[in-house]
Amino acid sequence: MQVKSAVLREMGLSAPYAKSRPIHIETLTLDPPKRGEVMVQIKAASLCHSDLSVINGSRPRPMPMALGHEAAGIVTEVGEGVTDL
């Protein structure tokens, strides 16, 4: 499945981010859910202070990274063994 995501490939670029543009919207390939996983069709997502800390480099994470872990959506598929959320 093809999905669009806000992807950070390099931390620590200078502010303002509107100028340095550390985040790019990219099309990614998403695998179907595996055992114990859930597929959610995201309807709304946001970036929060945790994401900002990764962007500015004060909270290092492996790159590249898809940002926006605060989201709301609809469960569309479940992997084997999922019985509740």
C-alpha atoms as a PDB file:
ATOM      1  CA  MET A   1       0.000   0.000   0.000  1.00  0.00           C
ATOM      2  CA  GLN A   2       1.236   3.482  -0.848  1.00  0.00           C
ATOM      3  CA  VAL A   3       0.956   6.167   1.858  1.00  0.00           C
ATOM      4  CA  LYS A   4       2.079   9.777   2.217  1.00  0.00           C
ATOM      5  CA  SER A   5       4.212  10.717   5.197  1.00  0.00           C
ATOM      6  CA  ALA A   6       6.131  13.655   6.665  1.00  0.00           C
ATOM      7  CA  VAL A   7       9.704  12.324   6.521  1.00  0.00           C
ATOM      8  CA  LEU A   8      12.731  13.746   8.332  1.00  0.00           C
ATOM      9  CA  ARG A   9      16.041  12.666   6.791  1.00  0.00           C
ATOM     10  CA  GLU A  10      18.429  15.006   8.647  1.00  0.00           C
ATOM     11  CA  MET A  11      18.296  16.451  12.169  1.00  0.00           C
ATOM     12  CA  GLY A  12      19.668  19.772  13.326  1.00  0.00           C
ATOM     13  CA  LEU A  13      18.957  22.004  10.341  1.00  0.00           C
ATOM     14  CA  SER A  14      18.713  25.657  11.305  1.00  0.00           C
ATOM     15  CA  ALA A  15      15.502  27.502  12.081  1.00  0.00           C
ATOM     16  CA  PRO A  16      13.323  28.887  10.674  1.00  0.00           C
ATOM     17  CA  TYR A  17      12.221  25.519   9.312  1.00  0.00           C
ATOM     18  CA  ALA A  18      10.137  27.190   6.623  1.00  0.00           C
ATOM     19  CA  LYS A  19      13.487  28.157   5.110  1.00  0.00           C
ATOM     20  CA  SER A  20      15.699  25.121   5.876  1.00  0.00           C
ATOM     21  CA  ARG A  21      12.815  22.671   5.117  1.00  0.00           C
ATOM     22  CA  PRO A  22      13.901  19.608   7.131  1.00  0.00           C
ATOM     23  CA  ILE A  23      10.635  17.729   6.467  1.00  0.00           C
ATOM     24  CA  HIS A  24       9.492  16.431   3.095  1.00  0.00           C
ATOM     25  CA  ILE A  25       6.168  14.831   2.186  1.00  0.00           C
ATOM     26  CA  GLU A  26       7.023  11.500   0.562  1.00  0.00           C
ATOM     27  CA  THR A  27       5.176   8.480  -0.768  1.00  0.00           C
ATOM     28  CA  LEU A  28       6.171   5.339   1.134  1.00  0.00           C
ATOM     29  CA  THR A  29       5.278   1.671   0.768  1.00  0.00           C
ATOM     30  CA  LEU A  30       3.524   0.260   3.831  1.00  0.00           C
ATOM     31  CA  ASP A  31       3.394  -3.495   4.425  1.00  0.00           C
ATOM     32  CA  PRO A  32       0.115  -5.150   5.505  1.00  0.00           C
ATOM     33  CA  PRO A  33      -0.250  -5.654   9.261  1.00  0.00           C
ATOM     34  CA  LYS A  34       1.746  -8.507  10.754  1.00  0.00           C
ATOM     35  CA  ARG A  35       0.865 -10.550  13.824  1.00  0.00           C
ATOM     36  CA  GLY A  36      -0.183  -8.217  16.632  1.00  0.00           C
ATOM     37  CA  GLU A  37      -0.335  -5.116  14.407  1.00  0.00           C
ATOM     38  CA  VAL A  38      -3.231  -2.908  13.321  1.00  0.00           C
ATOM     39  CA  MET A  39      -3.727  -0.898  10.108  1.00  0.00           C
ATOM     40  CA  VAL A  40      -5.242   2.534  10.753  1.00  0.00           C
ATOM     41  CA  GLN A  41      -6.443   4.887   8.022  1.00  0.00           C
ATOM     42  CA  ILE A  42      -5.232   8.224   9.381  1.00  0.00           C
ATOM     43  CA  LYS A  43      -7.775  11.034   9.119  1.00  0.00           C
ATOM     44  CA  ALA A  44      -5.769  13.690  11.002  1.00  0.00           C
ATOM     45  CA  ALA A  45      -2.190  13.897  12.310  1.00  0.00           C
ATOM     46  CA  SER A  46       0.014  16.516  13.877  1.00  0.00           C
ATOM     47  CA  LEU A  47       3.586  17.165  14.881  1.00  0.00           C
ATOM     48  CA  CYS A  48       4.192  17.800  18.578  1.00  0.00           C
ATOM     49  CA  HIS A  49       7.058  18.987  20.781  1.00  0.00           C
ATOM     50  CA  SER A  50       8.577  15.473  20.713  1.00  0.00           C
ATOM     51  CA  ASP A  51       8.796  15.667  16.920  1.00  0.00           C
ATOM     52  CA  LEU A  52      10.266  19.163  17.170  1.00  0.00           C
ATOM     53  CA  SER A  53      12.936  17.823  19.551  1.00  0.00           C
ATOM     54  CA  VAL A  54      13.901  15.228  16.941  1.00  0.00           C
ATOM     55  CA  ILE A  55      13.913  17.831  14.152  1.00  0.00           C
ATOM     56  CA  ASN A  56      16.242  20.187  16.057  1.00  0.00           C
ATOM     57  CA  GLY A  57      18.527  17.307  17.119  1.00  0.00           C
ATOM     58  CA  SER A  58      18.023  17.509  20.893  1.00  0.00           C
ATOM     59  CA  ARG A  59      16.329  14.094  20.894  1.00  0.00           C
ATOM     60  CA  PRO A  60      18.327  12.041  18.381  1.00  0.00           C
ATOM     61  CA  ARG A  61      16.649   9.161  16.591  1.00  0.00           C
ATOM     62  CA  PRO A  62      17.671   6.916  13.684  1.00  0.00           C
ATOM     63  CA  MET A  63      17.099   8.561  10.313  1.00  0.00           C
ATOM     64  CA  PRO A  64      15.065   8.641   8.155  1.00  0.00           C
ATOM     65  CA  MET A  65      12.009   8.954  10.387  1.00  0.00           C
ATOM     66  CA  ALA A  66       8.312   9.329   9.592  1.00  0.00           C
ATOM     67  CA  LEU A  67       6.999  12.017  11.958  1.00  0.00           C
ATOM     68  CA  GLY A  68       3.530  12.605  13.371  1.00  0.00           C
ATOM     69  CA  HIS A  69       2.789  10.000  16.039  1.00  0.00           C
ATOM     70  CA  GLU A  70      -0.278  11.886  17.329  1.00  0.00           C
ATOM     71  CA  ALA A  71      -3.112  10.851  15.030  1.00  0.00           C
ATOM     72  CA  ALA A  72      -6.784   9.972  14.744  1.00  0.00           C
ATOM     73  CA  GLY A  73      -8.172   7.449  12.311  1.00  0.00           C
ATOM     74  CA  ILE A  74     -10.203   4.345  11.545  1.00  0.00           C
ATOM     75  CA  VAL A  75      -9.000   0.764  12.032  1.00  0.00           C
ATOM     76  CA  THR A  76      -9.181  -0.841   8.577  1.00  0.00           C
ATOM     77  CA  GLU A  77      -7.342  -4.134   9.069  1.00  0.00           C
ATOM     78  CA  VAL A  78      -5.865  -6.224  11.871  1.00  0.00           C
ATOM     79  CA  GLY A  79      -3.064  -8.732  11.878  1.00  0.00           C
ATOM     80  CA  GLU A  80      -3.255 -12.251  13.229  1.00  0.00           C
ATOM     81  CA  GLY A  81      -3.786 -12.488  16.974  1.00  0.00           C
ATOM     82  CA  VAL A  82      -5.265  -9.010  17.484  1.00  0.00           C
ATOM     83  CA  THR A  83      -8.275  -9.243  19.779  1.00  0.00           C
ATOM     84  CA  ASP A  84      -8.550  -5.664  21.096  1.00  0.00           C
ATOM     85  CA  LEU A  85      -6.971  -2.220  21.084  1.00  0.00           C
END
